Amino acid sequence: MDKAMLTVLETYEIVIIVLVLAVFVGVIIAAMLLKNKRKRGVDESVLESRDEVNENARTVQVLKVLAEGKPEVEQKLDELYDKLLYLTPSAEEEVAVIDEKIKNALGDIKIELTKTRGDEGCGKAEKYIEDIKVMIAERAVYTQR
C-alpha cells in the first residue's frame, strides 16, 4: 500500500515531503540544543550570583574594621552581615542588578567610614545601611518566586 501511495505522488511532492520532515527534525534538534545551552547559562548565572553574595558579605567584614569605635554602626553592620551572608543566589537578572547596587552602596559606606575615621559621626553610612536593607527586601521578592 505504501508503494502505491509513492507511485501516485509526483517527484516534486516527494521532495516537499522530505524537506518538511527535514525541517521538522531540525527544529526538534535545535530546541533540544537550546534547552541544554540555557540550562548551562542558568547554572553559570547562579554561580556568579553566589560569588557576588559572598563578596558583599566579605566587604561588610572590612567595613566592621573601619567602624571601630562607632558601636551603633558596628551593630548595624553585624545585622547586615547576617542578612547578606544568607542570601539565596539566583539566576534572575533583576537579582544581579540589585546585587550590584548593594555592592556599590557598600563601597559608599567604605568611603564614608574612611572619611570619618577617628571622628564621632559616621557621615551617611547609616543611611546607606538602611538603603541596603531595602534592597535586600526588594531582592527577596525575586528570589522567593
N, C-alpha and C. Protein backbone atom coordinates (compact mmCIF):
# COMPACT_ATOMS: atom_id res chain seq x y z
N MET A 1 0.83 -1.20 0.00
CA MET A 1 0.00 0.00 0.00
C MET A 1 0.86 1.25 0.00
N ASP A 2 2.00 1.21 0.74
CA ASP A 2 2.87 2.38 0.77
C ASP A 2 3.49 2.64 -0.59
N LYS A 3 3.86 1.56 -1.30
CA LYS A 3 4.44 1.74 -2.62
C LYS A 3 3.43 2.35 -3.57
N ALA A 4 2.18 1.97 -3.38
CA ALA A 4 1.13 2.51 -4.24
C ALA A 4 0.97 4.00 -4.02
N MET A 5 1.10 4.45 -2.75
CA MET A 5 0.96 5.88 -2.46
C MET A 5 2.14 6.65 -3.05
N LEU A 6 3.34 6.10 -2.97
CA LEU A 6 4.50 6.78 -3.51
C LEU A 6 4.47 6.85 -5.03
N THR A 7 3.93 5.86 -5.68
CA THR A 7 3.86 5.88 -7.13
C THR A 7 2.84 6.89 -7.64
N VAL A 8 1.85 7.18 -6.80
CA VAL A 8 0.82 8.15 -7.18
C VAL A 8 1.38 9.57 -7.08
N LEU A 9 2.33 9.80 -6.17
CA LEU A 9 2.87 11.14 -5.95
C LEU A 9 3.86 11.51 -7.05
N GLU A 10 3.85 12.78 -7.33
CA GLU A 10 4.82 13.31 -8.30
C GLU A 10 6.16 13.49 -7.59
N THR A 11 7.20 13.67 -8.34
CA THR A 11 8.55 13.81 -7.78
C THR A 11 8.65 15.06 -6.89
N TYR A 12 8.08 16.17 -7.34
CA TYR A 12 8.16 17.40 -6.55
C TYR A 12 7.40 17.26 -5.23
N GLU A 13 6.33 16.47 -5.20
CA GLU A 13 5.59 16.25 -3.96
C GLU A 13 6.42 15.45 -2.97
N ILE A 14 7.15 14.46 -3.45
CA ILE A 14 8.03 13.67 -2.59
C ILE A 14 9.14 14.56 -2.02
N VAL A 15 9.68 15.43 -2.85
CA VAL A 15 10.73 16.35 -2.40
C VAL A 15 10.19 17.28 -1.32
N ILE A 16 9.00 17.78 -1.48
CA ILE A 16 8.38 18.67 -0.49
C ILE A 16 8.20 17.93 0.84
N ILE A 17 7.72 16.69 0.77
CA ILE A 17 7.52 15.91 1.99
C ILE A 17 8.85 15.69 2.70
N VAL A 18 9.89 15.35 1.97
CA VAL A 18 11.22 15.12 2.56
C VAL A 18 11.74 16.42 3.18
N LEU A 19 11.56 17.53 2.50
CA LEU A 19 12.02 18.82 3.04
C LEU A 19 11.28 19.19 4.32
N VAL A 20 9.98 18.99 4.35
CA VAL A 20 9.19 19.30 5.54
C VAL A 20 9.64 18.43 6.71
N LEU A 21 9.88 17.15 6.45
CA LEU A 21 10.38 16.26 7.50
C LEU A 21 11.75 16.70 8.00
N ALA A 22 12.62 17.11 7.09
CA ALA A 22 13.97 17.56 7.47
C ALA A 22 13.89 18.82 8.34
N VAL A 23 13.04 19.75 7.97
CA VAL A 23 12.87 20.97 8.76
C VAL A 23 12.31 20.63 10.13
N PHE A 24 11.35 19.76 10.19
CA PHE A 24 10.75 19.35 11.46
C PHE A 24 11.80 18.72 12.38
N VAL A 25 12.60 17.82 11.85
CA VAL A 25 13.66 17.19 12.65
C VAL A 25 14.68 18.24 13.08
N GLY A 26 15.02 19.17 12.20
CA GLY A 26 15.97 20.24 12.54
C GLY A 26 15.46 21.12 13.67
N VAL A 27 14.18 21.45 13.65
CA VAL A 27 13.59 22.27 14.71
C VAL A 27 13.65 21.53 16.04
N ILE A 28 13.36 20.25 16.03
CA ILE A 28 13.41 19.46 17.27
C ILE A 28 14.83 19.42 17.82
N ILE A 29 15.81 19.21 16.97
CA ILE A 29 17.21 19.16 17.41
C ILE A 29 17.64 20.53 17.94
N ALA A 30 17.28 21.60 17.25
CA ALA A 30 17.65 22.95 17.70
C ALA A 30 17.02 23.26 19.06
N ALA A 31 15.78 22.86 19.26
CA ALA A 31 15.11 23.10 20.55
C ALA A 31 15.82 22.36 21.67
N MET A 32 16.24 21.15 21.41
CA MET A 32 16.95 20.38 22.43
C MET A 32 18.30 21.02 22.76
N LEU A 33 19.01 21.49 21.75
CA LEU A 33 20.31 22.14 21.98
C LEU A 33 20.15 23.44 22.76
N LEU A 34 19.16 24.23 22.42
CA LEU A 34 18.93 25.49 23.12
C LEU A 34 18.55 25.26 24.57
N LYS A 35 17.76 24.24 24.82
CA LYS A 35 17.37 23.94 26.19
C LYS A 35 18.60 23.57 27.01
N ASN A 36 19.46 22.77 26.46
CA ASN A 36 20.68 22.37 27.16
C ASN A 36 21.59 23.57 27.38
N LYS A 37 21.73 24.44 26.38
CA LYS A 37 22.57 25.64 26.50
C LYS A 37 22.01 26.59 27.54
N ARG A 38 20.70 26.77 27.56
CA ARG A 38 20.06 27.67 28.52
C ARG A 38 20.27 27.15 29.95
N LYS A 39 20.20 25.86 30.13
CA LYS A 39 20.40 25.28 31.46
C LYS A 39 21.81 25.58 31.94
N ARG A 40 22.79 25.43 31.07
CA ARG A 40 24.16 25.74 31.43
C ARG A 40 24.31 27.22 31.78
N GLY A 41 23.64 28.09 31.04
CA GLY A 41 23.69 29.52 31.30
C GLY A 41 23.11 29.87 32.67
N VAL A 42 22.03 29.20 33.04
CA VAL A 42 21.41 29.42 34.34
C VAL A 42 22.36 28.99 35.45
N ASP A 43 23.00 27.83 35.27
CA ASP A 43 23.95 27.35 36.27
C ASP A 43 25.09 28.33 36.47
N GLU A 44 25.63 28.86 35.38
CA GLU A 44 26.71 29.83 35.47
C GLU A 44 26.24 31.11 36.16
N SER A 45 25.02 31.54 35.86
CA SER A 45 24.48 32.74 36.49
C SER A 45 24.33 32.56 38.00
N VAL A 46 23.90 31.38 38.41
CA VAL A 46 23.75 31.11 39.84
C VAL A 46 25.11 31.13 40.53
N LEU A 47 26.12 30.58 39.88
CA LEU A 47 27.48 30.60 40.45
C LEU A 47 27.99 32.03 40.58
N GLU A 48 27.76 32.85 39.56
CA GLU A 48 28.17 34.25 39.62
C GLU A 48 27.42 34.98 40.74
N SER A 49 26.14 34.69 40.87
CA SER A 49 25.34 35.31 41.93
C SER A 49 25.87 34.91 43.30
N ARG A 50 26.22 33.65 43.46
CA ARG A 50 26.76 33.17 44.74
C ARG A 50 28.07 33.89 45.06
N ASP A 51 28.93 34.07 44.06
CA ASP A 51 30.19 34.78 44.27
C ASP A 51 29.94 36.23 44.68
N GLU A 52 28.97 36.86 44.04
CA GLU A 52 28.64 38.25 44.36
C GLU A 52 28.11 38.38 45.79
N VAL A 53 27.25 37.45 46.19
CA VAL A 53 26.69 37.46 47.55
C VAL A 53 27.82 37.29 48.57
N ASN A 54 28.72 36.35 48.32
CA ASN A 54 29.84 36.12 49.23
C ASN A 54 30.77 37.32 49.29
N GLU A 55 31.02 37.95 48.15
CA GLU A 55 31.89 39.12 48.13
C GLU A 55 31.27 40.27 48.93
N ASN A 56 29.97 40.47 48.79
CA ASN A 56 29.30 41.53 49.55
C ASN A 56 29.39 41.26 51.05
N ALA A 57 29.23 40.01 51.46
CA ALA A 57 29.33 39.67 52.89
C ALA A 57 30.75 39.91 53.39
N ARG A 58 31.75 39.55 52.59
CA ARG A 58 33.15 39.80 53.00
C ARG A 58 33.44 41.29 53.11
N THR A 59 32.85 42.07 52.25
CA THR A 59 33.05 43.52 52.29
C THR A 59 32.54 44.09 53.61
N VAL A 60 31.45 43.56 54.11
CA VAL A 60 30.91 44.04 55.39
C VAL A 60 31.91 43.77 56.51
N GLN A 61 32.63 42.66 56.44
CA GLN A 61 33.66 42.37 57.45
C GLN A 61 34.74 43.45 57.45
N VAL A 62 35.11 43.91 56.28
CA VAL A 62 36.09 45.01 56.17
C VAL A 62 35.51 46.29 56.75
N LEU A 63 34.25 46.53 56.47
CA LEU A 63 33.60 47.75 56.97
C LEU A 63 33.53 47.75 58.50
N LYS A 64 33.38 46.58 59.08
CA LYS A 64 33.33 46.50 60.54
C LYS A 64 34.65 46.97 61.15
N VAL A 65 35.75 46.69 60.49
CA VAL A 65 37.06 47.17 60.96
C VAL A 65 37.13 48.69 60.87
N LEU A 66 36.60 49.24 59.80
CA LEU A 66 36.61 50.70 59.63
C LEU A 66 35.68 51.39 60.62
N ALA A 67 34.68 50.67 61.11
CA ALA A 67 33.69 51.26 62.00
C ALA A 67 34.06 51.12 63.47
N GLU A 68 35.26 50.68 63.77
CA GLU A 68 35.67 50.54 65.18
C GLU A 68 35.53 51.87 65.91
N GLY A 69 34.96 51.78 67.10
CA GLY A 69 34.72 52.98 67.90
C GLY A 69 33.37 53.62 67.63
N LYS A 70 32.61 53.03 66.77
CA LYS A 70 31.26 53.52 66.45
C LYS A 70 30.29 52.36 66.68
N PRO A 71 29.89 52.14 67.95
CA PRO A 71 29.12 50.94 68.29
C PRO A 71 27.80 50.79 67.54
N GLU A 72 27.11 51.89 67.28
CA GLU A 72 25.83 51.79 66.56
C GLU A 72 26.04 51.26 65.15
N VAL A 73 27.06 51.78 64.50
CA VAL A 73 27.34 51.36 63.13
C VAL A 73 27.84 49.92 63.12
N GLU A 74 28.66 49.56 64.10
CA GLU A 74 29.15 48.18 64.19
C GLU A 74 27.98 47.20 64.34
N GLN A 75 27.02 47.55 65.18
CA GLN A 75 25.86 46.68 65.39
C GLN A 75 25.05 46.54 64.11
N LYS A 76 24.84 47.65 63.42
CA LYS A 76 24.08 47.60 62.17
C LYS A 76 24.82 46.80 61.11
N LEU A 77 26.14 46.91 61.10
CA LEU A 77 26.93 46.13 60.14
C LEU A 77 26.87 44.63 60.46
N ASP A 78 26.84 44.30 61.76
CA ASP A 78 26.69 42.89 62.15
C ASP A 78 25.37 42.33 61.63
N GLU A 79 24.30 43.11 61.80
CA GLU A 79 22.99 42.67 61.32
C GLU A 79 23.00 42.54 59.79
N LEU A 80 23.63 43.50 59.14
CA LEU A 80 23.71 43.49 57.68
C LEU A 80 24.51 42.28 57.20
N TYR A 81 25.59 41.98 57.90
CA TYR A 81 26.42 40.82 57.54
C TYR A 81 25.59 39.54 57.57
N ASP A 82 24.81 39.37 58.63
CA ASP A 82 23.98 38.17 58.75
C ASP A 82 22.98 38.07 57.60
N LYS A 83 22.40 39.20 57.24
CA LYS A 83 21.43 39.19 56.14
C LYS A 83 22.10 38.88 54.80
N LEU A 84 23.25 39.49 54.56
CA LEU A 84 23.94 39.28 53.28
C LEU A 84 24.51 37.87 53.16
N LEU A 85 24.97 37.34 54.26
CA LEU A 85 25.61 36.03 54.25
C LEU A 85 24.65 34.93 53.81
N TYR A 86 23.39 35.07 54.16
CA TYR A 86 22.42 34.00 53.89
C TYR A 86 21.48 34.32 52.74
N LEU A 87 21.85 35.24 51.87
CA LEU A 87 21.03 35.50 50.69
C LEU A 87 21.10 34.31 49.74
N THR A 88 20.01 34.05 49.07
CA THR A 88 19.94 32.94 48.12
C THR A 88 20.45 33.39 46.75
N PRO A 89 21.44 32.69 46.20
CA PRO A 89 21.88 33.01 44.84
C PRO A 89 20.75 32.78 43.85
N SER A 90 20.74 33.55 42.78
CA SER A 90 19.67 33.44 41.81
C SER A 90 20.17 33.76 40.41
N ALA A 91 19.54 33.17 39.41
CA ALA A 91 19.88 33.43 38.02
C ALA A 91 19.08 34.59 37.45
N GLU A 92 18.16 35.13 38.23
CA GLU A 92 17.31 36.24 37.77
C GLU A 92 18.17 37.47 37.49
N GLU A 93 17.90 38.13 36.37
CA GLU A 93 18.67 39.31 36.00
C GLU A 93 18.42 40.46 36.98
N GLU A 94 17.18 40.56 37.47
CA GLU A 94 16.85 41.62 38.43
C GLU A 94 17.67 41.47 39.71
N VAL A 95 17.91 40.24 40.12
CA VAL A 95 18.69 39.97 41.33
C VAL A 95 20.13 40.41 41.11
N ALA A 96 20.67 40.16 39.92
CA ALA A 96 22.05 40.57 39.61
C ALA A 96 22.18 42.09 39.68
N VAL A 97 21.16 42.79 39.20
CA VAL A 97 21.18 44.26 39.25
C VAL A 97 21.16 44.74 40.70
N ILE A 98 20.32 44.13 41.52
CA ILE A 98 20.23 44.52 42.93
C ILE A 98 21.52 44.20 43.65
N ASP A 99 22.12 43.04 43.36
CA ASP A 99 23.40 42.70 43.98
C ASP A 99 24.48 43.73 43.63
N GLU A 100 24.46 44.20 42.41
CA GLU A 100 25.42 45.23 42.00
C GLU A 100 25.16 46.55 42.74
N LYS A 101 23.89 46.89 42.93
CA LYS A 101 23.55 48.10 43.70
C LYS A 101 24.02 47.98 45.14
N ILE A 102 23.86 46.77 45.72
CA ILE A 102 24.33 46.54 47.09
C ILE A 102 25.84 46.71 47.15
N LYS A 103 26.52 46.17 46.17
CA LYS A 103 27.98 46.29 46.12
C LYS A 103 28.40 47.77 46.07
N ASN A 104 27.71 48.55 45.26
CA ASN A 104 28.02 49.97 45.14
C ASN A 104 27.74 50.71 46.45
N ALA A 105 26.63 50.37 47.11
CA ALA A 105 26.30 51.01 48.39
C ALA A 105 27.33 50.65 49.46
N LEU A 106 27.82 49.41 49.43
CA LEU A 106 28.87 49.02 50.38
C LEU A 106 30.14 49.83 50.12
N GLY A 107 30.43 50.10 48.86
CA GLY A 107 31.56 50.96 48.52
C GLY A 107 31.37 52.37 49.05
N ASP A 108 30.14 52.87 48.98
CA ASP A 108 29.84 54.21 49.52
C ASP A 108 30.01 54.23 51.04
N ILE A 109 29.60 53.16 51.70
CA ILE A 109 29.79 53.07 53.16
C ILE A 109 31.28 53.10 53.48
N LYS A 110 32.06 52.39 52.71
CA LYS A 110 33.51 52.35 52.93
C LYS A 110 34.10 53.75 52.81
N ILE A 111 33.66 54.49 51.82
CA ILE A 111 34.14 55.87 51.64
C ILE A 111 33.76 56.72 52.85
N GLU A 112 32.50 56.63 53.28
CA GLU A 112 32.04 57.42 54.42
C GLU A 112 32.79 57.07 55.70
N LEU A 113 32.99 55.78 55.94
CA LEU A 113 33.70 55.37 57.16
C LEU A 113 35.17 55.76 57.10
N THR A 114 35.75 55.75 55.93
CA THR A 114 37.15 56.17 55.78
C THR A 114 37.28 57.67 56.02
N LYS A 115 36.32 58.44 55.50
CA LYS A 115 36.36 59.90 55.70
C LYS A 115 36.17 60.27 57.17
N THR A 116 35.36 59.52 57.88
CA THR A 116 35.04 59.88 59.27
C THR A 116 35.83 59.05 60.28
N ARG A 117 36.84 58.37 59.84
CA ARG A 117 37.63 57.53 60.75
C ARG A 117 38.27 58.42 61.82
N GLY A 118 38.06 58.05 63.06
CA GLY A 118 38.58 58.84 64.18
C GLY A 118 37.62 59.92 64.64
N ASP A 119 36.60 60.22 63.86
CA ASP A 119 35.59 61.21 64.26
C ASP A 119 34.44 60.49 64.95
N GLU A 120 33.57 61.28 65.59
CA GLU A 120 32.42 60.70 66.28
C GLU A 120 31.34 60.25 65.30
N GLY A 121 31.04 61.06 64.32
CA GLY A 121 29.98 60.74 63.38
C GLY A 121 30.41 59.71 62.36
N CYS A 122 29.45 59.29 61.56
CA CYS A 122 29.77 58.31 60.52
C CYS A 122 29.29 58.77 59.16
N GLY A 123 28.96 60.05 59.04
CA GLY A 123 28.51 60.58 57.75
C GLY A 123 27.20 59.94 57.33
N LYS A 124 27.14 59.54 56.08
CA LYS A 124 25.92 58.94 55.54
C LYS A 124 25.92 57.41 55.62
N ALA A 125 26.86 56.84 56.36
CA ALA A 125 27.00 55.38 56.41
C ALA A 125 25.71 54.70 56.88
N GLU A 126 25.08 55.23 57.90
CA GLU A 126 23.85 54.60 58.42
C GLU A 126 22.73 54.67 57.38
N LYS A 127 22.68 55.76 56.64
CA LYS A 127 21.66 55.88 55.58
C LYS A 127 21.89 54.82 54.51
N TYR A 128 23.14 54.60 54.13
CA TYR A 128 23.45 53.58 53.13
C TYR A 128 23.11 52.18 53.65
N ILE A 129 23.32 51.93 54.93
CA ILE A 129 22.98 50.64 55.51
C ILE A 129 21.47 50.41 55.41
N GLU A 130 20.69 51.43 55.71
CA GLU A 130 19.23 51.32 55.59
C GLU A 130 18.82 51.10 54.13
N ASP A 131 19.51 51.78 53.21
CA ASP A 131 19.21 51.57 51.79
C ASP A 131 19.49 50.12 51.37
N ILE A 132 20.56 49.55 51.89
CA ILE A 132 20.89 48.16 51.57
C ILE A 132 19.82 47.22 52.12
N LYS A 133 19.31 47.51 53.30
CA LYS A 133 18.25 46.67 53.86
C LYS A 133 17.01 46.68 52.96
N VAL A 134 16.71 47.84 52.39
CA VAL A 134 15.58 47.94 51.46
C VAL A 134 15.88 47.13 50.20
N MET A 135 17.12 47.21 49.71
CA MET A 135 17.50 46.44 48.52
C MET A 135 17.40 44.93 48.78
N ILE A 136 17.76 44.51 49.98
CA ILE A 136 17.66 43.09 50.34
C ILE A 136 16.19 42.65 50.33
N ALA A 137 15.32 43.50 50.84
CA ALA A 137 13.89 43.19 50.83
C ALA A 137 13.37 43.13 49.39
N GLU A 138 13.82 44.05 48.56
CA GLU A 138 13.42 44.05 47.15
C GLU A 138 13.94 42.79 46.45
N ARG A 139 15.14 42.40 46.78
CA ARG A 139 15.76 41.20 46.20
C ARG A 139 14.96 39.95 46.58
N ALA A 140 14.46 39.93 47.81
CA ALA A 140 13.69 38.77 48.28
C ALA A 140 12.43 38.55 47.46
N VAL A 141 11.90 39.61 46.91
CA VAL A 141 10.70 39.48 46.06
C VAL A 141 11.00 38.60 44.85
N TYR A 142 12.20 38.73 44.28
CA TYR A 142 12.57 37.97 43.09
C TYR A 142 13.04 36.56 43.42
N THR A 143 13.64 36.36 44.59
CA THR A 143 14.19 35.04 44.90
C THR A 143 13.17 34.11 45.55
N GLN A 144 12.03 34.63 45.99
CA GLN A 144 11.04 33.78 46.65
C GLN A 144 9.91 33.37 45.73
N ARG A 145 10.09 33.56 44.44
CA ARG A 145 9.05 33.18 43.47
C ARG A 145 8.99 31.70 43.32
